[in-house]
PDB file of N, CA and C in Angstrom:
ATOM      1  N   MET A   1     -25.927 -31.875  50.354  1.00  0.00           N
ATOM      2  CA  MET A   1     -24.977 -32.626  51.145  1.00  0.00           C
ATOM      3  C   MET A   1     -24.434 -31.689  52.228  1.00  0.00           C
ATOM      4  N   SER A   2     -24.111 -32.282  53.344  1.00  0.00           N
ATOM      5  CA  SER A   2     -23.638 -31.533  54.498  1.00  0.00           C
ATOM      6  C   SER A   2     -22.430 -32.228  55.119  1.00  0.00           C
ATOM      7  N   HIS A   3     -21.573 -31.444  55.741  1.00  0.00           N
ATOM      8  CA  HIS A   3     -20.437 -32.003  56.472  1.00  0.00           C
ATOM      9  C   HIS A   3     -20.765 -32.139  57.962  1.00  0.00           C
ATOM     10  N   ASP A   4     -21.904 -31.620  58.384  1.00  0.00           N
ATOM     11  CA  ASP A   4     -22.307 -31.595  59.789  1.00  0.00           C
ATOM     12  C   ASP A   4     -23.391 -32.651  60.028  1.00  0.00           C
ATOM     13  N   LEU A   5     -23.057 -33.706  60.782  1.00  0.00           N
ATOM     14  CA  LEU A   5     -23.990 -34.798  61.027  1.00  0.00           C
ATOM     15  C   LEU A   5     -25.232 -34.319  61.767  1.00  0.00           C
ATOM     16  N   SER A   6     -25.071 -33.480  62.756  1.00  0.00           N
ATOM     17  CA  SER A   6     -26.206 -32.985  63.537  1.00  0.00           C
ATOM     18  C   SER A   6     -27.198 -32.229  62.650  1.00  0.00           C
ATOM     19  N   LEU A   7     -26.693 -31.391  61.783  1.00  0.00           N
ATOM     20  CA  LEU A   7     -27.548 -30.638  60.864  1.00  0.00           C
ATOM     21  C   LEU A   7     -28.250 -31.578  59.886  1.00  0.00           C
ATOM     22  N   ALA A   8     -27.528 -32.561  59.377  1.00  0.00           N
ATOM     23  CA  ALA A   8     -28.114 -33.528  58.454  1.00  0.00           C
ATOM     24  C   ALA A   8     -29.223 -34.328  59.129  1.00  0.00           C
ATOM     25  N   GLN A   9     -29.040 -34.687  60.408  1.00  0.00           N
ATOM     26  CA  GLN A   9     -30.063 -35.430  61.137  1.00  0.00           C
ATOM     27  C   GLN A   9     -31.330 -34.602  61.306  1.00  0.00           C
ATOM     28  N   LYS A  10     -31.189 -33.332  61.607  1.00  0.00           N
ATOM     29  CA  LYS A  10     -32.353 -32.455  61.753  1.00  0.00           C
ATOM     30  C   LYS A  10     -33.096 -32.330  60.433  1.00  0.00           C
ATOM     31  N   HIS A  11     -32.368 -32.162  59.350  1.00  0.00           N
ATOM     32  CA  HIS A  11     -33.002 -32.050  58.034  1.00  0.00           C
ATOM     33  C   HIS A  11     -33.691 -33.357  57.636  1.00  0.00           C
ATOM     34  N   ALA A  12     -33.076 -34.485  57.964  1.00  0.00           N
ATOM     35  CA  ALA A  12     -33.668 -35.781  57.634  1.00  0.00           C
ATOM     36  C   ALA A  12     -34.999 -35.957  58.356  1.00  0.00           C
ATOM     37  N   TRP A  13     -35.035 -35.653  59.636  1.00  0.00           N
ATOM     38  CA  TRP A  13     -36.268 -35.808  60.406  1.00  0.00           C
ATOM     39  C   TRP A  13     -37.349 -34.861  59.883  1.00  0.00           C
ATOM     40  N   ASN A  14     -36.982 -33.609  59.575  1.00  0.00           N
ATOM     41  CA  ASN A  14     -37.952 -32.652  59.036  1.00  0.00           C
ATOM     42  C   ASN A  14     -38.482 -33.117  57.677  1.00  0.00           C
ATOM     43  N   LEU A  15     -37.611 -33.633  56.835  1.00  0.00           N
ATOM     44  CA  LEU A  15     -38.041 -34.098  55.521  1.00  0.00           C
ATOM     45  C   LEU A  15     -38.996 -35.281  55.652  1.00  0.00           C
ATOM     46  N   ALA A  16     -38.699 -36.201  56.552  1.00  0.00           N
ATOM     47  CA  ALA A  16     -39.588 -37.348  56.761  1.00  0.00           C
ATOM     48  C   ALA A  16     -40.979 -36.887  57.198  1.00  0.00           C
ATOM     49  N   ARG A  17     -41.043 -35.909  58.085  1.00  0.00           N
ATOM     50  CA  ARG A  17     -42.339 -35.423  58.567  1.00  0.00           C
ATOM     51  C   ARG A  17     -43.072 -34.623  57.512  1.00  0.00           C
ATOM     52  N   ILE A  18     -42.360 -33.901  56.659  1.00  0.00           N
ATOM     53  CA  ILE A  18     -43.013 -33.126  55.601  1.00  0.00           C
ATOM     54  C   ILE A  18     -43.556 -34.044  54.513  1.00  0.00           C
ATOM     55  N   LEU A  19     -42.728 -34.995  54.070  1.00  0.00           N
ATOM     56  CA  LEU A  19     -43.139 -35.899  53.002  1.00  0.00           C
ATOM     57  C   LEU A  19     -44.020 -37.046  53.505  1.00  0.00           C
ATOM     58  N   MET A  20     -43.958 -37.320  54.809  1.00  0.00           N
ATOM     59  CA  MET A  20     -44.684 -38.434  55.435  1.00  0.00           C
ATOM     60  C   MET A  20     -44.301 -39.772  54.807  1.00  0.00           C
ATOM     61  N   VAL A  21     -42.997 -39.913  54.531  1.00  0.00           N
ATOM     62  CA  VAL A  21     -42.422 -41.170  54.036  1.00  0.00           C
ATOM     63  C   VAL A  21     -41.098 -41.388  54.768  1.00  0.00           C
ATOM     64  N   PRO A  22     -40.647 -42.634  54.896  1.00  0.00           N
ATOM     65  CA  PRO A  22     -39.337 -42.878  55.506  1.00  0.00           C
ATOM     66  C   PRO A  22     -38.216 -42.290  54.648  1.00  0.00           C
ATOM     67  N   VAL A  23     -37.225 -41.691  55.297  1.00  0.00           N
ATOM     68  CA  VAL A  23     -36.064 -41.170  54.594  1.00  0.00           C
ATOM     69  C   VAL A  23     -34.807 -41.779  55.196  1.00  0.00           C
ATOM     70  N   ILE A  24     -33.764 -41.808  54.403  1.00  0.00           N
ATOM     71  CA  ILE A  24     -32.485 -42.392  54.780  1.00  0.00           C
ATOM     72  C   ILE A  24     -31.434 -41.298  54.871  1.00  0.00           C
ATOM     73  N   LEU A  25     -30.695 -41.297  55.965  1.00  0.00           N
ATOM     74  CA  LEU A  25     -29.529 -40.426  56.122  1.00  0.00           C
ATOM     75  C   LEU A  25     -28.320 -41.277  55.783  1.00  0.00           C
ATOM     76  N   PHE A  26     -27.533 -40.844  54.816  1.00  0.00           N
ATOM     77  CA  PHE A  26     -26.402 -41.640  54.357  1.00  0.00           C
ATOM     78  C   PHE A  26     -25.125 -40.823  54.335  1.00  0.00           C
ATOM     79  N   LYS A  27     -24.015 -41.539  54.250  1.00  0.00           N
ATOM     80  CA  LYS A  27     -22.702 -40.898  54.141  1.00  0.00           C
ATOM     81  C   LYS A  27     -22.069 -41.346  52.834  1.00  0.00           C
ATOM     82  N   SER A  28     -21.563 -40.374  52.101  1.00  0.00           N
ATOM     83  CA  SER A  28     -20.849 -40.635  50.858  1.00  0.00           C
ATOM     84  C   SER A  28     -19.562 -39.827  50.908  1.00  0.00           C
ATOM     85  N   ASP A  29     -18.444 -40.517  50.849  1.00  0.00           N
ATOM     86  CA  ASP A  29     -17.135 -39.890  51.063  1.00  0.00           C
ATOM     87  C   ASP A  29     -17.126 -39.272  52.450  1.00  0.00           C
ATOM     88  N   ASP A  30     -17.010 -37.950  52.554  1.00  0.00           N
ATOM     89  CA  ASP A  30     -17.007 -37.309  53.873  1.00  0.00           C
ATOM     90  C   ASP A  30     -18.187 -36.360  54.042  1.00  0.00           C
ATOM     91  N   GLU A  31     -19.273 -36.571  53.284  1.00  0.00           N
ATOM     92  CA  GLU A  31     -20.460 -35.741  53.371  1.00  0.00           C
ATOM     93  C   GLU A  31     -21.681 -36.590  53.690  1.00  0.00           C
ATOM     94  N   TYR A  32     -22.695 -35.944  54.283  1.00  0.00           N
ATOM     95  CA  TYR A  32     -23.943 -36.603  54.641  1.00  0.00           C
ATOM     96  C   TYR A  32     -25.044 -36.113  53.716  1.00  0.00           C
ATOM     97  N   GLY A  33     -25.974 -37.000  53.387  1.00  0.00           N
ATOM     98  CA  GLY A  33     -27.093 -36.650  52.530  1.00  0.00           C
ATOM     99  C   GLY A  33     -28.347 -37.368  52.977  1.00  0.00           C
ATOM    100  N   VAL A  34     -29.484 -36.947  52.413  1.00  0.00           N
ATOM    101  CA  VAL A  34     -30.778 -37.504  52.771  1.00  0.00           C
ATOM    102  C   VAL A  34     -31.560 -37.795  51.495  1.00  0.00           C
ATOM    103  N   LEU A  35     -32.184 -38.977  51.453  1.00  0.00           N
ATOM    104  CA  LEU A  35     -33.034 -39.372  50.329  1.00  0.00           C
ATOM    105  C   LEU A  35     -34.250 -40.118  50.858  1.00  0.00           C
ATOM    106  N   PRO A  36     -35.382 -40.040  50.138  1.00  0.00           N
ATOM    107  CA  PRO A  36     -36.490 -40.926  50.490  1.00  0.00           C
ATOM    108  C   PRO A  36     -36.024 -42.382  50.396  1.00  0.00           C
ATOM    109  N   ALA A  37     -36.484 -43.217  51.302  1.00  0.00           N
ATOM    110  CA  ALA A  37     -36.009 -44.600  51.396  1.00  0.00           C
ATOM    111  C   ALA A  37     -36.211 -45.385  50.104  1.00  0.00           C
ATOM    112  N   ASP A  38     -37.273 -45.119  49.369  1.00  0.00           N
ATOM    113  CA  ASP A  38     -37.528 -45.886  48.148  1.00  0.00           C
ATOM    114  C   ASP A  38     -36.634 -45.479  46.979  1.00  0.00           C
ATOM    115  N   GLU A  39     -35.828 -44.426  47.144  1.00  0.00           N
ATOM    116  CA  GLU A  39     -34.930 -43.981  46.082  1.00  0.00           C
ATOM    117  C   GLU A  39     -33.473 -44.387  46.314  1.00  0.00           C
ATOM    118  N   VAL A  40     -33.186 -45.059  47.408  1.00  0.00           N
ATOM    119  CA  VAL A  40     -31.809 -45.453  47.728  1.00  0.00           C
ATOM    120  C   VAL A  40     -31.484 -46.750  46.999  1.00  0.00           C
ATOM    121  N   GLU A  41     -30.606 -46.651  46.001  1.00  0.00           N
ATOM    122  CA  GLU A  41     -30.193 -47.821  45.241  1.00  0.00           C
ATOM    123  C   GLU A  41     -28.693 -47.842  44.999  1.00  0.00           C
ATOM    124  N   ASP A  42     -27.984 -46.801  45.396  1.00  0.00           N
ATOM    125  CA  ASP A  42     -26.567 -46.667  45.111  1.00  0.00           C
ATOM    126  C   ASP A  42     -25.733 -47.466  46.105  1.00  0.00           C
ATOM    127  N   ALA A  43     -24.845 -48.294  45.616  1.00  0.00           N
ATOM    128  CA  ALA A  43     -24.002 -49.124  46.484  1.00  0.00           C
ATOM    129  C   ALA A  43     -22.819 -48.342  47.061  1.00  0.00           C
ATOM    130  N   GLU A  44     -22.586 -47.115  46.611  1.00  0.00           N
ATOM    131  CA  GLU A  44     -21.432 -46.336  47.054  1.00  0.00           C
ATOM    132  C   GLU A  44     -21.737 -45.449  48.260  1.00  0.00           C
ATOM    133  N   ILE A  45     -22.859 -45.671  48.906  1.00  0.00           N
ATOM    134  CA  ILE A  45     -23.196 -44.882  50.085  1.00  0.00           C
ATOM    135  C   ILE A  45     -23.246 -45.792  51.307  1.00  0.00           C
ATOM    136  N   VAL A  46     -23.067 -45.196  52.463  1.00  0.00           N
ATOM    137  CA  VAL A  46     -23.168 -45.914  53.730  1.00  0.00           C
ATOM    138  C   VAL A  46     -24.410 -45.376  54.439  1.00  0.00           C
ATOM    139  N   ILE A  47     -25.418 -46.221  54.617  1.00  0.00           N
ATOM    140  CA  ILE A  47     -26.653 -45.810  55.264  1.00  0.00           C
ATOM    141  C   ILE A  47     -26.413 -45.783  56.774  1.00  0.00           C
ATOM    142  N   LEU A  48     -26.737 -44.635  57.392  1.00  0.00           N
ATOM    143  CA  LEU A  48     -26.502 -44.453  58.817  1.00  0.00           C
ATOM    144  C   LEU A  48     -27.783 -44.546  59.646  1.00  0.00           C
ATOM    145  N   PHE A  49     -28.825 -43.834  59.227  1.00  0.00           N
ATOM    146  CA  PHE A  49     -30.073 -43.769  59.976  1.00  0.00           C
ATOM    147  C   PHE A  49     -31.258 -43.846  59.034  1.00  0.00           C
ATOM    148  N   GLU A  50     -32.378 -44.347  59.560  1.00  0.00           N
ATOM    149  CA  GLU A  50     -33.652 -44.280  58.851  1.00  0.00           C
ATOM    150  C   GLU A  50     -34.607 -43.482  59.718  1.00  0.00           C
ATOM    151  N   TYR A  51     -35.288 -42.524  59.112  1.00  0.00           N
ATOM    152  CA  TYR A  51     -36.261 -41.702  59.824  1.00  0.00           C
ATOM    153  C   TYR A  51     -37.635 -41.990  59.248  1.00  0.00           C
ATOM    154  N   ASP A  52     -38.507 -42.530  60.092  1.00  0.00           N
ATOM    155  CA  ASP A  52     -39.874 -42.857  59.712  1.00  0.00           C
ATOM    156  C   ASP A  52     -40.789 -41.863  60.421  1.00  0.00           C
ATOM    157  N   PRO A  53     -41.629 -41.155  59.705  1.00  0.00           N
ATOM    158  CA  PRO A  53     -42.473 -40.135  60.349  1.00  0.00           C
ATOM    159  C   PRO A  53     -43.453 -40.731  61.361  1.00  0.00           C
ATOM    160  N   TYR A  54     -43.713 -42.026  61.281  1.00  0.00           N
ATOM    161  CA  TYR A  54     -44.661 -42.668  62.179  1.00  0.00           C
ATOM    162  C   TYR A  54     -43.971 -43.344  63.373  1.00  0.00           C
ATOM    163  N   ALA A  55     -42.734 -43.804  63.193  1.00  0.00           N
ATOM    164  CA  ALA A  55     -42.051 -44.555  64.238  1.00  0.00           C
ATOM    165  C   ALA A  55     -40.825 -43.846  64.807  1.00  0.00           C
ATOM    166  N   GLY A  56     -40.404 -42.723  64.223  1.00  0.00           N
ATOM    167  CA  GLY A  56     -39.227 -42.009  64.695  1.00  0.00           C
ATOM    168  C   GLY A  56     -37.973 -42.469  63.971  1.00  0.00           C
ATOM    169  N   GLY A  57     -36.842 -42.031  64.456  1.00  0.00           N
ATOM    170  CA  GLY A  57     -35.566 -42.371  63.816  1.00  0.00           C
ATOM    171  C   GLY A  57     -34.864 -43.492  64.546  1.00  0.00           C
ATOM    172  N   HIS A  58     -34.085 -44.258  63.789  1.00  0.00           N
ATOM    173  CA  HIS A  58     -33.274 -45.307  64.396  1.00  0.00           C
ATOM    174  C   HIS A  58     -32.043 -45.574  63.554  1.00  0.00           C
ATOM    175  N   SER A  59     -31.002 -46.004  64.219  1.00  0.00           N
ATOM    176  CA  SER A  59     -29.752 -46.324  63.543  1.00  0.00           C
ATOM    177  C   SER A  59     -29.913 -47.612  62.763  1.00  0.00           C
ATOM    178  N   VAL A  60     -29.302 -47.685  61.602  1.00  0.00           N
ATOM    179  CA  VAL A  60     -29.388 -48.867  60.764  1.00  0.00           C
ATOM    180  C   VAL A  60     -28.374 -49.916  61.225  1.00  0.00           C
ATOM    181  N   HIS A  61     -27.289 -49.488  61.826  1.00  0.00           N
ATOM    182  CA  HIS A  61     -26.233 -50.430  62.256  1.00  0.00           C
ATOM    183  C   HIS A  61     -26.467 -50.918  63.649  1.00  0.00           C
TER     184      HIS A  61
END
């Protein structure tokens, strides 16, 4: 988890390209985190961005 959105975005994009799967950048409380898209099931997070290694990143809202 990170408190820096810019750093979290860079890590999310790198993770998507390494794993070659879509990943989700989310906010929980006041921290940012990244998970593969197929593992996001928690209702207590706010999804901010989706990073797809084939299509790039885009805001969910």
